[in-house]
Amino acid sequence: MPRFLDTNILLRYFTGSGSEKALAAKVLLERIEQSEEKVVISVLVVFETIFTLQRTYKVPKVKIREMVGDVIALRGVQLTGKRLCLQALDLYVGKNISFADAYNVIYMQSQQFSEIYSWDTDFDRIEGITRIEPAQDM
């Protein structure tokens, strides 16, 4: 039976902070990589990990995509929407938008939505997505 993997394990693994815990996280991730362990993560774990790496640890987006993408892609990691997350990581870097916006674009595309109500002009950079600003007099 798989166990749920919390964000703090991934952050220790990626940053090496708290040496004993970082080492334990490394050992666990190696076991997952070798299919000796299976874990489940949620999309919120992915979001929190990316947000913290970017904001707190100032990790560049390209490095975040590599680090997080490699872990998500492991066969021992179960994640509903794994493909969407991996595609969102590429868009996050490729269009230099937030991961939340990237994930929402990929989700919209998967559901065949092409219009979004938003004041966020980052969506204007995405081909096939039309941003609509709500009017007060709708």
N, C-alpha and C. Protein backbone atom coordinates (compact mmCIF):
# COMPACT_ATOMS: atom_id res chain seq x y z
N MET A 1 0.85 -1.18 0.00
CA MET A 1 0.00 0.00 0.00
C MET A 1 0.90 1.24 0.00
N PRO A 2 0.68 2.15 -0.95
CA PRO A 2 1.50 3.37 -0.97
C PRO A 2 1.18 4.28 0.21
N ARG A 3 2.11 5.14 0.50
CA ARG A 3 1.93 6.14 1.55
C ARG A 3 1.93 7.53 0.90
N PHE A 4 1.29 8.47 1.56
CA PHE A 4 1.26 9.84 1.04
C PHE A 4 2.59 10.52 1.37
N LEU A 5 3.11 11.28 0.43
CA LEU A 5 4.37 12.00 0.59
C LEU A 5 4.09 13.49 0.70
N ASP A 6 4.49 14.09 1.81
CA ASP A 6 4.24 15.51 2.06
C ASP A 6 5.32 16.38 1.42
N THR A 7 4.97 17.63 1.22
CA THR A 7 5.86 18.61 0.61
C THR A 7 7.20 18.72 1.33
N ASN A 8 7.20 18.67 2.66
CA ASN A 8 8.44 18.91 3.39
C ASN A 8 9.51 17.86 3.08
N ILE A 9 9.11 16.66 2.73
CA ILE A 9 10.09 15.63 2.35
C ILE A 9 10.76 16.03 1.04
N LEU A 10 9.96 16.48 0.08
CA LEU A 10 10.52 16.91 -1.21
C LEU A 10 11.44 18.12 -1.03
N LEU A 11 11.03 19.06 -0.20
CA LEU A 11 11.85 20.25 0.00
C LEU A 11 13.19 19.90 0.65
N ARG A 12 13.17 19.00 1.62
CA ARG A 12 14.45 18.56 2.23
C ARG A 12 15.32 17.88 1.19
N TYR A 13 14.71 17.05 0.36
CA TYR A 13 15.44 16.34 -0.68
C TYR A 13 16.07 17.33 -1.67
N PHE A 14 15.30 18.31 -2.12
CA PHE A 14 15.79 19.25 -3.12
C PHE A 14 16.80 20.25 -2.57
N THR A 15 16.62 20.68 -1.31
CA THR A 15 17.46 21.75 -0.78
C THR A 15 18.62 21.25 0.08
N GLY A 16 18.49 20.05 0.60
CA GLY A 16 19.53 19.53 1.48
C GLY A 16 19.53 20.18 2.85
N SER A 17 18.52 20.99 3.16
CA SER A 17 18.49 21.66 4.46
C SER A 17 18.10 20.67 5.56
N GLY A 18 18.69 20.87 6.73
CA GLY A 18 18.45 19.94 7.85
C GLY A 18 19.08 18.61 7.54
N SER A 19 20.39 18.52 7.66
CA SER A 19 21.18 17.43 7.09
C SER A 19 20.65 16.02 7.37
N GLU A 20 20.23 15.73 8.59
CA GLU A 20 19.72 14.38 8.89
C GLU A 20 18.43 14.11 8.13
N LYS A 21 17.54 15.08 8.14
CA LYS A 21 16.27 14.91 7.43
C LYS A 21 16.50 14.89 5.91
N ALA A 22 17.43 15.69 5.44
CA ALA A 22 17.74 15.70 4.01
C ALA A 22 18.28 14.34 3.57
N LEU A 23 19.12 13.74 4.40
CA LEU A 23 19.66 12.42 4.08
C LEU A 23 18.54 11.37 4.08
N ALA A 24 17.65 11.44 5.07
CA ALA A 24 16.53 10.49 5.12
C ALA A 24 15.62 10.67 3.91
N ALA A 25 15.40 11.92 3.49
CA ALA A 25 14.58 12.18 2.30
C ALA A 25 15.26 11.61 1.06
N LYS A 26 16.57 11.75 0.98
CA LYS A 26 17.33 11.22 -0.16
C LYS A 26 17.22 9.70 -0.23
N VAL A 27 17.35 9.06 0.91
CA VAL A 27 17.24 7.59 0.97
C VAL A 27 15.84 7.16 0.53
N LEU A 28 14.82 7.85 1.01
CA LEU A 28 13.44 7.52 0.63
C LEU A 28 13.24 7.70 -0.88
N LEU A 29 13.69 8.81 -1.44
CA LEU A 29 13.52 9.04 -2.87
C LEU A 29 14.28 8.02 -3.71
N GLU A 30 15.43 7.58 -3.21
CA GLU A 30 16.17 6.52 -3.91
C GLU A 30 15.37 5.22 -3.90
N ARG A 31 14.72 4.93 -2.78
CA ARG A 31 13.88 3.72 -2.69
C ARG A 31 12.69 3.82 -3.65
N ILE A 32 12.13 5.01 -3.77
CA ILE A 32 11.02 5.22 -4.71
C ILE A 32 11.53 5.05 -6.14
N GLU A 33 12.68 5.61 -6.43
CA GLU A 33 13.26 5.51 -7.78
C GLU A 33 13.53 4.06 -8.16
N GLN A 34 13.94 3.26 -7.18
CA GLN A 34 14.25 1.84 -7.43
C GLN A 34 13.02 0.95 -7.30
N SER A 35 11.84 1.56 -7.19
CA SER A 35 10.56 0.85 -7.07
C SER A 35 10.47 -0.02 -5.82
N GLU A 36 11.21 0.33 -4.79
CA GLU A 36 11.13 -0.37 -3.51
C GLU A 36 10.03 0.24 -2.63
N GLU A 37 9.62 1.44 -2.97
CA GLU A 37 8.55 2.16 -2.26
C GLU A 37 7.64 2.78 -3.30
N LYS A 38 6.38 2.92 -2.94
CA LYS A 38 5.42 3.65 -3.77
C LYS A 38 4.80 4.73 -2.89
N VAL A 39 4.68 5.92 -3.47
CA VAL A 39 4.08 7.02 -2.73
C VAL A 39 3.03 7.71 -3.60
N VAL A 40 2.15 8.42 -2.93
CA VAL A 40 1.13 9.22 -3.58
C VAL A 40 1.39 10.68 -3.21
N ILE A 41 1.30 11.55 -4.21
CA ILE A 41 1.34 12.99 -3.94
C ILE A 41 0.12 13.62 -4.60
N SER A 42 -0.23 14.80 -4.14
CA SER A 42 -1.36 15.52 -4.74
C SER A 42 -0.82 16.69 -5.55
N VAL A 43 -1.69 17.25 -6.35
CA VAL A 43 -1.32 18.44 -7.12
C VAL A 43 -0.94 19.57 -6.17
N LEU A 44 -1.57 19.63 -5.00
CA LEU A 44 -1.21 20.68 -4.04
C LEU A 44 0.20 20.52 -3.52
N VAL A 45 0.67 19.29 -3.37
CA VAL A 45 2.07 19.06 -2.98
C VAL A 45 2.99 19.61 -4.07
N VAL A 46 2.65 19.36 -5.32
CA VAL A 46 3.45 19.87 -6.44
C VAL A 46 3.46 21.39 -6.41
N PHE A 47 2.29 22.02 -6.28
CA PHE A 47 2.20 23.48 -6.24
C PHE A 47 3.04 24.06 -5.09
N GLU A 48 2.86 23.51 -3.90
CA GLU A 48 3.57 24.03 -2.73
C GLU A 48 5.08 23.87 -2.88
N THR A 49 5.50 22.75 -3.43
CA THR A 49 6.93 22.52 -3.65
C THR A 49 7.50 23.54 -4.61
N ILE A 50 6.84 23.74 -5.73
CA ILE A 50 7.31 24.69 -6.74
C ILE A 50 7.31 26.11 -6.18
N PHE A 51 6.24 26.50 -5.52
CA PHE A 51 6.13 27.84 -4.96
C PHE A 51 7.26 28.10 -3.96
N THR A 52 7.50 27.14 -3.07
CA THR A 52 8.52 27.32 -2.04
C THR A 52 9.92 27.34 -2.64
N LEU A 53 10.19 26.46 -3.60
CA LEU A 53 11.51 26.47 -4.24
C LEU A 53 11.77 27.80 -4.94
N GLN A 54 10.74 28.34 -5.59
CA GLN A 54 10.91 29.58 -6.33
C GLN A 54 10.99 30.79 -5.40
N ARG A 55 10.06 30.89 -4.47
CA ARG A 55 9.97 32.10 -3.64
C ARG A 55 10.97 32.11 -2.48
N THR A 56 11.08 31.00 -1.77
CA THR A 56 11.93 30.97 -0.58
C THR A 56 13.38 30.67 -0.92
N TYR A 57 13.59 29.69 -1.78
CA TYR A 57 14.95 29.24 -2.09
C TYR A 57 15.51 29.86 -3.36
N LYS A 58 14.71 30.65 -4.08
CA LYS A 58 15.15 31.36 -5.28
C LYS A 58 15.75 30.44 -6.34
N VAL A 59 15.19 29.24 -6.46
CA VAL A 59 15.65 28.28 -7.47
C VAL A 59 15.09 28.73 -8.82
N PRO A 60 15.93 28.78 -9.86
CA PRO A 60 15.45 29.17 -11.19
C PRO A 60 14.40 28.19 -11.72
N LYS A 61 13.48 28.71 -12.52
CA LYS A 61 12.39 27.90 -13.06
C LYS A 61 12.89 26.68 -13.83
N VAL A 62 13.94 26.85 -14.61
CA VAL A 62 14.46 25.73 -15.41
C VAL A 62 14.90 24.60 -14.49
N LYS A 63 15.56 24.95 -13.39
CA LYS A 63 16.03 23.95 -12.43
C LYS A 63 14.84 23.30 -11.71
N ILE A 64 13.83 24.11 -11.38
CA ILE A 64 12.63 23.57 -10.73
C ILE A 64 11.96 22.56 -11.65
N ARG A 65 11.83 22.91 -12.92
CA ARG A 65 11.21 21.96 -13.87
C ARG A 65 11.97 20.65 -13.88
N GLU A 66 13.28 20.73 -13.90
CA GLU A 66 14.11 19.51 -13.92
C GLU A 66 13.92 18.70 -12.64
N MET A 67 14.06 19.36 -11.50
CA MET A 67 14.00 18.67 -10.21
C MET A 67 12.62 18.05 -9.97
N VAL A 68 11.60 18.88 -10.05
CA VAL A 68 10.24 18.42 -9.75
C VAL A 68 9.76 17.44 -10.82
N GLY A 69 10.06 17.75 -12.07
CA GLY A 69 9.65 16.86 -13.16
C GLY A 69 10.24 15.48 -13.04
N ASP A 70 11.52 15.41 -12.65
CA ASP A 70 12.17 14.10 -12.48
C ASP A 70 11.49 13.27 -11.40
N VAL A 71 11.11 13.91 -10.30
CA VAL A 71 10.46 13.17 -9.21
C VAL A 71 9.04 12.76 -9.61
N ILE A 72 8.30 13.68 -10.20
CA ILE A 72 6.93 13.36 -10.63
C ILE A 72 6.93 12.19 -11.60
N ALA A 73 7.92 12.15 -12.47
CA ALA A 73 7.97 11.13 -13.52
C ALA A 73 8.31 9.74 -13.01
N LEU A 74 8.79 9.62 -11.78
CA LEU A 74 9.16 8.31 -11.25
C LEU A 74 7.94 7.39 -11.24
N ARG A 75 8.17 6.14 -11.61
CA ARG A 75 7.07 5.16 -11.63
C ARG A 75 6.49 4.93 -10.24
N GLY A 76 7.30 5.10 -9.21
CA GLY A 76 6.83 4.89 -7.85
C GLY A 76 6.04 6.05 -7.27
N VAL A 77 5.87 7.11 -8.05
CA VAL A 77 5.10 8.28 -7.61
C VAL A 77 3.75 8.27 -8.31
N GLN A 78 2.71 8.16 -7.51
CA GLN A 78 1.35 8.20 -8.05
C GLN A 78 0.80 9.61 -7.86
N LEU A 79 0.32 10.18 -8.95
CA LEU A 79 -0.20 11.54 -8.93
C LEU A 79 -1.33 11.62 -9.94
N THR A 80 -2.52 11.91 -9.46
CA THR A 80 -3.64 12.12 -10.38
C THR A 80 -3.33 13.39 -11.16
N GLY A 81 -3.35 13.27 -12.47
CA GLY A 81 -3.02 14.42 -13.30
C GLY A 81 -1.53 14.57 -13.53
N LYS A 82 -0.78 13.48 -13.44
CA LYS A 82 0.68 13.52 -13.62
C LYS A 82 1.05 14.15 -14.96
N ARG A 83 0.37 13.73 -16.02
CA ARG A 83 0.67 14.24 -17.36
C ARG A 83 0.42 15.75 -17.41
N LEU A 84 -0.67 16.21 -16.81
CA LEU A 84 -0.98 17.64 -16.79
C LEU A 84 0.11 18.43 -16.06
N CYS A 85 0.58 17.89 -14.94
CA CYS A 85 1.63 18.57 -14.18
C CYS A 85 2.92 18.67 -14.98
N LEU A 86 3.29 17.59 -15.66
CA LEU A 86 4.51 17.61 -16.47
C LEU A 86 4.39 18.61 -17.62
N GLN A 87 3.24 18.66 -18.25
CA GLN A 87 3.02 19.64 -19.32
C GLN A 87 3.03 21.06 -18.77
N ALA A 88 2.44 21.25 -17.60
CA ALA A 88 2.41 22.57 -16.97
C ALA A 88 3.82 23.03 -16.61
N LEU A 89 4.68 22.12 -16.18
CA LEU A 89 6.07 22.48 -15.89
C LEU A 89 6.76 23.03 -17.14
N ASP A 90 6.51 22.41 -18.28
CA ASP A 90 7.10 22.90 -19.53
C ASP A 90 6.58 24.29 -19.89
N LEU A 91 5.28 24.51 -19.73
CA LEU A 91 4.69 25.81 -20.04
C LEU A 91 5.16 26.87 -19.05
N TYR A 92 5.28 26.51 -17.80
CA TYR A 92 5.78 27.39 -16.72
C TYR A 92 7.13 27.97 -17.10
N VAL A 93 7.99 27.15 -17.66
CA VAL A 93 9.32 27.60 -18.08
C VAL A 93 9.24 28.26 -19.46
N GLY A 94 8.56 27.60 -20.39
CA GLY A 94 8.54 28.07 -21.77
C GLY A 94 7.90 29.43 -21.97
N LYS A 95 6.87 29.73 -21.21
CA LYS A 95 6.16 31.02 -21.34
C LYS A 95 6.44 31.96 -20.18
N ASN A 96 7.29 31.51 -19.24
CA ASN A 96 7.66 32.32 -18.08
C ASN A 96 6.43 32.87 -17.35
N ILE A 97 5.53 31.96 -17.01
CA ILE A 97 4.34 32.32 -16.25
C ILE A 97 4.35 31.52 -14.95
N SER A 98 3.46 31.87 -14.04
CA SER A 98 3.41 31.13 -12.77
C SER A 98 2.99 29.69 -13.04
N PHE A 99 3.37 28.81 -12.11
CA PHE A 99 2.97 27.42 -12.28
C PHE A 99 1.45 27.29 -12.19
N ALA A 100 0.82 28.08 -11.34
CA ALA A 100 -0.64 28.03 -11.22
C ALA A 100 -1.30 28.38 -12.56
N ASP A 101 -0.83 29.45 -13.19
CA ASP A 101 -1.38 29.82 -14.50
C ASP A 101 -1.10 28.74 -15.53
N ALA A 102 0.11 28.20 -15.51
CA ALA A 102 0.47 27.15 -16.47
C ALA A 102 -0.41 25.93 -16.29
N TYR A 103 -0.63 25.53 -15.05
CA TYR A 103 -1.48 24.37 -14.80
C TYR A 103 -2.91 24.64 -15.27
N ASN A 104 -3.40 25.84 -14.99
CA ASN A 104 -4.77 26.17 -15.41
C ASN A 104 -4.90 26.15 -16.93
N VAL A 105 -3.89 26.63 -17.65
CA VAL A 105 -3.92 26.59 -19.12
C VAL A 105 -3.96 25.14 -19.60
N ILE A 106 -3.09 24.31 -19.05
CA ILE A 106 -3.05 22.90 -19.47
C ILE A 106 -4.37 22.21 -19.13
N TYR A 107 -4.92 22.52 -17.97
CA TYR A 107 -6.22 21.95 -17.59
C TYR A 107 -7.30 22.42 -18.56
N MET A 108 -7.32 23.73 -18.85
CA MET A 108 -8.31 24.26 -19.79
C MET A 108 -8.22 23.55 -21.13
N GLN A 109 -7.01 23.40 -21.63
CA GLN A 109 -6.82 22.74 -22.92
C GLN A 109 -7.29 21.29 -22.88
N SER A 110 -7.06 20.62 -21.76
CA SER A 110 -7.48 19.22 -21.64
C SER A 110 -9.00 19.08 -21.64
N GLN A 111 -9.67 20.16 -21.25
CA GLN A 111 -11.14 20.17 -21.20
C GLN A 111 -11.75 20.92 -22.39
N GLN A 112 -10.89 21.33 -23.31
CA GLN A 112 -11.27 22.09 -24.51
C GLN A 112 -11.92 23.44 -24.21
N PHE A 113 -11.42 24.11 -23.18
CA PHE A 113 -11.80 25.49 -22.92
C PHE A 113 -10.80 26.39 -23.64
N SER A 114 -11.28 27.45 -24.25
CA SER A 114 -10.36 28.37 -24.93
C SER A 114 -10.50 29.80 -24.42
N GLU A 115 -11.43 30.04 -23.52
CA GLU A 115 -11.64 31.38 -22.99
C GLU A 115 -11.57 31.36 -21.47
N ILE A 116 -11.01 32.45 -20.94
CA ILE A 116 -10.87 32.56 -19.49
C ILE A 116 -11.21 33.98 -19.06
N TYR A 117 -12.00 34.09 -18.00
CA TYR A 117 -12.20 35.39 -17.37
C TYR A 117 -11.00 35.64 -16.47
N SER A 118 -10.29 36.73 -16.74
CA SER A 118 -9.11 37.04 -15.94
C SER A 118 -8.63 38.45 -16.24
N TRP A 119 -7.99 39.06 -15.24
CA TRP A 119 -7.29 40.32 -15.47
C TRP A 119 -5.79 40.06 -15.61
N ASP A 120 -5.38 38.83 -15.51
CA ASP A 120 -3.97 38.45 -15.60
C ASP A 120 -3.53 38.40 -17.06
N THR A 121 -2.69 39.36 -17.45
CA THR A 121 -2.27 39.46 -18.86
C THR A 121 -1.31 38.35 -19.28
N ASP A 122 -0.82 37.56 -18.34
CA ASP A 122 0.03 36.42 -18.72
C ASP A 122 -0.70 35.47 -19.66
N PHE A 123 -2.00 35.39 -19.53
CA PHE A 123 -2.77 34.49 -20.40
C PHE A 123 -2.75 34.94 -21.86
N ASP A 124 -2.45 36.23 -22.09
CA ASP A 124 -2.38 36.74 -23.46
C ASP A 124 -1.21 36.12 -24.24
N ARG A 125 -0.24 35.57 -23.54
CA ARG A 125 0.92 34.96 -24.19
C ARG A 125 0.66 33.54 -24.67
N ILE A 126 -0.50 33.00 -24.35
CA ILE A 126 -0.78 31.60 -24.64
C ILE A 126 -1.64 31.49 -25.90
N GLU A 127 -1.06 30.88 -26.92
CA GLU A 127 -1.79 30.67 -28.16
C GLU A 127 -3.00 29.77 -27.91
N GLY A 128 -4.13 30.18 -28.47
CA GLY A 128 -5.34 29.37 -28.34
C GLY A 128 -6.17 29.70 -27.12
N ILE A 129 -5.68 30.62 -26.28
CA ILE A 129 -6.43 31.03 -25.09
C ILE A 129 -6.81 32.50 -25.25
N THR A 130 -8.08 32.80 -25.06
CA THR A 130 -8.56 34.17 -25.14
C THR A 130 -8.94 34.63 -23.74
N ARG A 131 -8.31 35.71 -23.31
CA ARG A 131 -8.59 36.27 -21.99
C ARG A 131 -9.71 37.29 -22.13
N ILE A 132 -10.68 37.21 -21.25
CA ILE A 132 -11.81 38.13 -21.25
C ILE A 132 -11.87 38.80 -19.89
N GLU A 133 -11.88 40.13 -19.91
CA GLU A 133 -12.03 40.88 -18.67
C GLU A 133 -13.51 41.10 -18.41
N PRO A 134 -13.98 40.72 -17.23
CA PRO A 134 -15.40 40.92 -16.94
C PRO A 134 -15.74 42.42 -16.90
N ALA A 135 -16.85 42.76 -17.48
CA ALA A 135 -17.31 44.15 -17.48
C ALA A 135 -18.26 44.35 -16.31
N GLN A 136 -18.29 45.57 -15.78
CA GLN A 136 -19.18 45.86 -14.66
C GLN A 136 -20.64 45.84 -15.09
N ASP A 137 -20.89 46.06 -16.36
CA ASP A 137 -22.27 46.16 -16.82
C ASP A 137 -22.72 44.93 -17.60
N MET A 138 -22.29 43.77 -17.17
CA MET A 138 -22.61 42.54 -17.90
C MET A 138 -24.07 42.30 -17.90
